[in-house]
PDB file of N, CA and C in Angstrom:
ATOM      1  N   MET A   1      57.828 101.653 168.715  1.00  0.00           N
ATOM      2  CA  MET A   1      58.540 100.777 167.796  1.00  0.00           C
ATOM      3  C   MET A   1      58.075  99.350 168.061  1.00  0.00           C
ATOM      4  N   SER A   2      57.697  98.689 166.997  1.00  0.00           N
ATOM      5  CA  SER A   2      57.209  97.322 167.151  1.00  0.00           C
ATOM      6  C   SER A   2      58.377  96.366 167.353  1.00  0.00           C
ATOM      7  N   ARG A   3      58.018  95.213 167.851  1.00  0.00           N
ATOM      8  CA  ARG A   3      59.039  94.211 168.154  1.00  0.00           C
ATOM      9  C   ARG A   3      59.763  93.737 166.887  1.00  0.00           C
ATOM     10  N   SER A   4      59.057  93.591 165.783  1.00  0.00           N
ATOM     11  CA  SER A   4      59.685  93.120 164.546  1.00  0.00           C
ATOM     12  C   SER A   4      60.613  94.190 163.968  1.00  0.00           C
ATOM     13  N   ALA A   5      60.246  95.474 164.098  1.00  0.00           N
ATOM     14  CA  ALA A   5      61.112  96.550 163.614  1.00  0.00           C
ATOM     15  C   ALA A   5      62.393  96.594 164.442  1.00  0.00           C
ATOM     16  N   TYR A   6      62.250  96.454 165.757  1.00  0.00           N
ATOM     17  CA  TYR A   6      63.421  96.434 166.631  1.00  0.00           C
ATOM     18  C   TYR A   6      64.315  95.254 166.290  1.00  0.00           C
ATOM     19  N   ARG A   7      63.708  94.110 166.061  1.00  0.00           N
ATOM     20  CA  ARG A   7      64.485  92.905 165.735  1.00  0.00           C
ATOM     21  C   ARG A   7      65.230  93.062 164.416  1.00  0.00           C
ATOM     22  N   SER A   8      64.588  93.633 163.416  1.00  0.00           N
ATOM     23  CA  SER A   8      65.258  93.806 162.125  1.00  0.00           C
ATOM     24  C   SER A   8      66.390  94.821 162.236  1.00  0.00           C
ATOM     25  N   LEU A   9      66.208  95.893 163.023  1.00  0.00           N
ATOM     26  CA  LEU A   9      67.295  96.854 163.246  1.00  0.00           C
ATOM     27  C   LEU A   9      68.462  96.205 163.974  1.00  0.00           C
ATOM     28  N   LEU A  10      68.162  95.383 164.962  1.00  0.00           N
ATOM     29  CA  LEU A  10      69.202  94.697 165.722  1.00  0.00           C
ATOM     30  C   LEU A  10      69.978  93.723 164.835  1.00  0.00           C
ATOM     31  N   LEU A  11      69.284  92.977 164.007  1.00  0.00           N
ATOM     32  CA  LEU A  11      69.950  92.036 163.111  1.00  0.00           C
ATOM     33  C   LEU A  11      70.811  92.766 162.081  1.00  0.00           C
ATOM     34  N   ALA A  12      70.344  93.893 161.581  1.00  0.00           N
ATOM     35  CA  ALA A  12      71.139  94.677 160.633  1.00  0.00           C
ATOM     36  C   ALA A  12      72.401  95.211 161.320  1.00  0.00           C
ATOM     37  N   PHE A  13      72.260  95.671 162.548  1.00  0.00           N
ATOM     38  CA  PHE A  13      73.414  96.163 163.308  1.00  0.00           C
ATOM     39  C   PHE A  13      74.431  95.047 163.549  1.00  0.00           C
ATOM     40  N   ILE A  14      73.953  93.887 163.932  1.00  0.00           N
ATOM     41  CA  ILE A  14      74.836  92.747 164.182  1.00  0.00           C
ATOM     42  C   ILE A  14      75.569  92.339 162.908  1.00  0.00           C
ATOM     43  N   ASP A  15      74.887  92.367 161.774  1.00  0.00           N
ATOM     44  CA  ASP A  15      75.536  92.036 160.496  1.00  0.00           C
ATOM     45  C   ASP A  15      76.641  93.037 160.165  1.00  0.00           C
ATOM     46  N   ARG A  16      76.375  94.332 160.367  1.00  0.00           N
ATOM     47  CA  ARG A  16      77.385  95.347 160.065  1.00  0.00           C
ATOM     48  C   ARG A  16      78.586  95.218 160.996  1.00  0.00           C
ATOM     49  N   VAL A  17      78.346  95.000 162.277  1.00  0.00           N
ATOM     50  CA  VAL A  17      79.449  94.847 163.227  1.00  0.00           C
ATOM     51  C   VAL A  17      80.242  93.588 162.917  1.00  0.00           C
ATOM     52  N   GLY A  18      79.571  92.517 162.580  1.00  0.00           N
ATOM     53  CA  GLY A  18      80.250  91.265 162.236  1.00  0.00           C
ATOM     54  C   GLY A  18      81.128  91.420 161.009  1.00  0.00           C
ATOM     55  N   ASP A  19      80.623  92.108 159.999  1.00  0.00           N
ATOM     56  CA  ASP A  19      81.431  92.354 158.803  1.00  0.00           C
ATOM     57  C   ASP A  19      82.657  93.200 159.127  1.00  0.00           C
ATOM     58  N   GLY A  20      82.470  94.191 159.968  1.00  0.00           N
ATOM     59  CA  GLY A  20      83.592  95.035 160.368  1.00  0.00           C
ATOM     60  C   GLY A  20      84.646  94.262 161.137  1.00  0.00           C
ATOM     61  N   LEU A  21      84.209  93.374 162.013  1.00  0.00           N
ATOM     62  CA  LEU A  21      85.161  92.569 162.782  1.00  0.00           C
ATOM     63  C   LEU A  21      85.945  91.616 161.887  1.00  0.00           C
ATOM     64  N   VAL A  22      85.290  91.048 160.903  1.00  0.00           N
ATOM     65  CA  VAL A  22      85.983  90.149 159.979  1.00  0.00           C
ATOM     66  C   VAL A  22      87.012  90.921 159.167  1.00  0.00           C
ATOM     67  N   LYS A  23      86.638  92.095 158.664  1.00  0.00           N
ATOM     68  CA  LYS A  23      87.581  92.914 157.891  1.00  0.00           C
ATOM     69  C   LYS A  23      88.770  93.338 158.747  1.00  0.00           C
ATOM     70  N   MET A  24      88.495  93.750 159.983  1.00  0.00           N
ATOM     71  CA  MET A  24      89.572  94.172 160.870  1.00  0.00           C
ATOM     72  C   MET A  24      90.501  93.001 161.195  1.00  0.00           C
ATOM     73  N   SER A  25      89.953  91.818 161.390  1.00  0.00           N
ATOM     74  CA  SER A  25      90.772  90.639 161.668  1.00  0.00           C
ATOM     75  C   SER A  25      91.679  90.300 160.496  1.00  0.00           C
ATOM     76  N   VAL A  26      91.152  90.394 159.286  1.00  0.00           N
ATOM     77  CA  VAL A  26      91.953  90.101 158.095  1.00  0.00           C
ATOM     78  C   VAL A  26      93.071  91.126 157.951  1.00  0.00           C
ATOM     79  N   ILE A  27      92.765  92.409 158.145  1.00  0.00           N
ATOM     80  CA  ILE A  27      93.783  93.455 158.041  1.00  0.00           C
ATOM     81  C   ILE A  27      94.877  93.255 159.078  1.00  0.00           C
ATOM     82  N   LEU A  28      94.499  92.949 160.322  1.00  0.00           N
ATOM     83  CA  LEU A  28      95.491  92.729 161.373  1.00  0.00           C
ATOM     84  C   LEU A  28      96.355  91.502 161.081  1.00  0.00           C
ATOM     85  N   LEU A  29      95.776  90.458 160.532  1.00  0.00           N
ATOM     86  CA  LEU A  29      96.542  89.267 160.171  1.00  0.00           C
ATOM     87  C   LEU A  29      97.556  89.587 159.072  1.00  0.00           C
ATOM     88  N   ILE A  30      97.134  90.365 158.089  1.00  0.00           N
ATOM     89  CA  ILE A  30      98.049  90.755 157.011  1.00  0.00           C
ATOM     90  C   ILE A  30      99.183  91.615 157.556  1.00  0.00           C
ATOM     91  N   LEU A  31      98.865  92.566 158.443  1.00  0.00           N
ATOM     92  CA  LEU A  31      99.908  93.400 159.048  1.00  0.00           C
ATOM     93  C   LEU A  31     100.885  92.566 159.876  1.00  0.00           C
ATOM     94  N   LEU A  32     100.380  91.572 160.586  1.00  0.00           N
ATOM     95  CA  LEU A  32     101.244  90.692 161.360  1.00  0.00           C
ATOM     96  C   LEU A  32     102.192  89.918 160.446  1.00  0.00           C
ATOM     97  N   MET A  33     101.680  89.419 159.346  1.00  0.00           N
ATOM     98  CA  MET A  33     102.512  88.671 158.408  1.00  0.00           C
ATOM     99  C   MET A  33     103.585  89.568 157.791  1.00  0.00           C
ATOM    100  N   ILE A  34     103.223  90.790 157.434  1.00  0.00           N
ATOM    101  CA  ILE A  34     104.200  91.725 156.861  1.00  0.00           C
ATOM    102  C   ILE A  34     105.283  92.045 157.880  1.00  0.00           C
ATOM    103  N   THR A  35     104.883  92.285 159.127  1.00  0.00           N
ATOM    104  CA  THR A  35     105.853  92.593 160.174  1.00  0.00           C
ATOM    105  C   THR A  35     106.802  91.427 160.408  1.00  0.00           C
ATOM    106  N   GLN A  36     106.278  90.216 160.422  1.00  0.00           N
ATOM    107  CA  GLN A  36     107.124  89.046 160.616  1.00  0.00           C
ATOM    108  C   GLN A  36     108.098  88.881 159.452  1.00  0.00           C
ATOM    109  N   LEU A  37     107.658  89.161 158.247  1.00  0.00           N
ATOM    110  CA  LEU A  37     108.556  89.087 157.096  1.00  0.00           C
ATOM    111  C   LEU A  37     109.658  90.140 157.197  1.00  0.00           C
ATOM    112  N   LEU A  38     109.314  91.348 157.659  1.00  0.00           N
ATOM    113  CA  LEU A  38     110.323  92.401 157.817  1.00  0.00           C
ATOM    114  C   LEU A  38     111.340  92.046 158.898  1.00  0.00           C
ATOM    115  N   LEU A  39     110.905  91.334 159.928  1.00  0.00           N
ATOM    116  CA  LEU A  39     111.825  90.940 161.000  1.00  0.00           C
ATOM    117  C   LEU A  39     112.821  89.877 160.546  1.00  0.00           C
ATOM    118  N   ASN A  40     112.584  89.249 159.415  1.00  0.00           N
ATOM    119  CA  ASN A  40     113.534  88.276 158.875  1.00  0.00           C
ATOM    120  C   ASN A  40     114.731  88.936 158.211  1.00  0.00           C
ATOM    121  N   ILE A  41     114.650  90.229 157.938  1.00  0.00           N
ATOM    122  CA  ILE A  41     115.755  90.968 157.315  1.00  0.00           C
ATOM    123  C   ILE A  41     116.603  91.558 158.431  1.00  0.00           C
ATOM    124  N   ASP A  42     117.882  91.126 158.506  1.00  0.00           N
ATOM    125  CA  ASP A  42     118.747  91.522 159.618  1.00  0.00           C
ATOM    126  C   ASP A  42     118.902  93.033 159.749  1.00  0.00           C
ATOM    127  N   GLU A  43     119.051  93.742 158.630  1.00  0.00           N
ATOM    128  CA  GLU A  43     119.259  95.184 158.690  1.00  0.00           C
ATOM    129  C   GLU A  43     118.043  95.911 159.268  1.00  0.00           C
ATOM    130  N   LEU A  44     116.856  95.429 158.967  1.00  0.00           N
ATOM    131  CA  LEU A  44     115.634  96.048 159.489  1.00  0.00           C
ATOM    132  C   LEU A  44     115.341  95.609 160.918  1.00  0.00           C
ATOM    133  N   ARG A  45     115.701  94.394 161.248  1.00  0.00           N
ATOM    134  CA  ARG A  45     115.431  93.871 162.592  1.00  0.00           C
ATOM    135  C   ARG A  45     116.099  94.730 163.655  1.00  0.00           C
ATOM    136  N   TYR A  46     117.277  95.245 163.343  1.00  0.00           N
ATOM    137  CA  TYR A  46     118.000  96.090 164.295  1.00  0.00           C
ATOM    138  C   TYR A  46     117.160  97.313 164.674  1.00  0.00           C
ATOM    139  N   TYR A  47     116.450  97.895 163.728  1.00  0.00           N
ATOM    140  CA  TYR A  47     115.656  99.097 163.986  1.00  0.00           C
ATOM    141  C   TYR A  47     114.259  98.791 164.511  1.00  0.00           C
ATOM    142  N   LEU A  48     113.733  97.620 164.225  1.00  0.00           N
ATOM    143  CA  LEU A  48     112.371  97.284 164.624  1.00  0.00           C
ATOM    144  C   LEU A  48     112.276  96.638 166.005  1.00  0.00           C
ATOM    145  N   SER A  49     113.365  96.035 166.465  1.00  0.00           N
ATOM    146  CA  SER A  49     113.312  95.281 167.713  1.00  0.00           C
ATOM    147  C   SER A  49     114.363  95.786 168.698  1.00  0.00           C
ATOM    148  N   GLU A  50     113.905  96.313 169.820  1.00  0.00           N
ATOM    149  CA  GLU A  50     114.840  96.772 170.851  1.00  0.00           C
ATOM    150  C   GLU A  50     115.588  95.593 171.471  1.00  0.00           C
ATOM    151  N   THR A  51     114.926  94.472 171.588  1.00  0.00           N
ATOM    152  CA  THR A  51     115.557  93.291 172.167  1.00  0.00           C
ATOM    153  C   THR A  51     116.740  92.837 171.327  1.00  0.00           C
ATOM    154  N   TYR A  52     116.631  92.942 170.021  1.00  0.00           N
ATOM    155  CA  TYR A  52     117.727  92.541 169.140  1.00  0.00           C
ATOM    156  C   TYR A  52     118.947  93.433 169.359  1.00  0.00           C
ATOM    157  N   ARG A  53     118.734  94.728 169.589  1.00  0.00           N
ATOM    158  CA  ARG A  53     119.845  95.651 169.835  1.00  0.00           C
ATOM    159  C   ARG A  53     120.532  95.361 171.163  1.00  0.00           C
ATOM    160  N   LEU A  54     119.764  94.921 172.167  1.00  0.00           N
ATOM    161  CA  LEU A  54     120.314  94.692 173.500  1.00  0.00           C
ATOM    162  C   LEU A  54     120.910  93.301 173.658  1.00  0.00           C
ATOM    163  N   GLU A  55     120.720  92.457 172.686  1.00  0.00           N
ATOM    164  CA  GLU A  55     121.212  91.085 172.765  1.00  0.00           C
ATOM    165  C   GLU A  55     122.739  91.068 172.880  1.00  0.00           C
ATOM    166  N   GLY A  56     123.246  90.351 173.886  1.00  0.00           N
ATOM    167  CA  GLY A  56     124.680  90.225 174.094  1.00  0.00           C
ATOM    168  C   GLY A  56     125.274  91.325 174.954  1.00  0.00           C
ATOM    169  N   SER A  57     124.463  92.271 175.427  1.00  0.00           N
ATOM    170  CA  SER A  57     124.951  93.345 176.290  1.00  0.00           C
ATOM    171  C   SER A  57     124.765  92.950 177.752  1.00  0.00           C
ATOM    172  N   TYR A  58     125.655  93.417 178.602  1.00  0.00           N
ATOM    173  CA  TYR A  58     125.497  93.208 180.029  1.00  0.00           C
ATOM    174  C   TYR A  58     124.495  94.206 180.577  1.00  0.00           C
ATOM    175  N   MET A  59     123.834  93.836 181.655  1.00  0.00           N
ATOM    176  CA  MET A  59     122.795  94.684 182.223  1.00  0.00           C
ATOM    177  C   MET A  59     123.374  96.017 182.703  1.00  0.00           C
ATOM    178  N   GLU A  60     124.587  96.025 183.225  1.00  0.00           N
ATOM    179  CA  GLU A  60     125.193  97.267 183.694  1.00  0.00           C
ATOM    180  C   GLU A  60     125.399  98.247 182.554  1.00  0.00           C
ATOM    181  N   GLU A  61     125.745  97.747 181.369  1.00  0.00           N
ATOM    182  CA  GLU A  61     125.944  98.611 180.206  1.00  0.00           C
ATOM    183  C   GLU A  61     124.635  99.253 179.772  1.00  0.00           C
ATOM    184  N   ILE A  62     123.542  98.548 179.961  1.00  0.00           N
ATOM    185  CA  ILE A  62     122.242  99.061 179.533  1.00  0.00           C
ATOM    186  C   ILE A  62     121.735 100.102 180.524  1.00  0.00           C
ATOM    187  N   VAL A  63     121.871  99.827 181.817  1.00  0.00           N
ATOM    188  CA  VAL A  63     121.362 100.727 182.839  1.00  0.00           C
ATOM    189  C   VAL A  63     122.243 101.981 182.946  1.00  0.00           C
ATOM    190  N   ASN A  64     123.561 101.822 182.952  1.00  0.00           N
ATOM    191  CA  ASN A  64     124.490 102.928 183.083  1.00  0.00           C
ATOM    192  C   ASN A  64     125.406 103.006 181.849  1.00  0.00           C
ATOM    193  N   PRO A  65     124.908 103.575 180.766  1.00  0.00           N
ATOM    194  CA  PRO A  65     125.743 103.587 179.548  1.00  0.00           C
ATOM    195  C   PRO A  65     126.934 104.531 179.643  1.00  0.00           C
TER     196      PRO A  65
END
C-alpha cells in the first residue's frame, strides 16, 4: 500500500468518525434538554429523581423503613 493511499484512507476514516461524533453530541444534547424539561414537571420529577423522593426524610427512615 502506497503512502498516499494510506493517507487518503486515514483521512476518510477521520472524516467519518468526526461526523459520527458530531451527530452523537447533538443527540446527547437534545436528550439532555428533554430530560431537563421533564424534570420541571413536579408529577414526573417524583418518578425520575430518587433524590426528590428522599427529600425531607430522616436518614433512619431511609435505612430502616
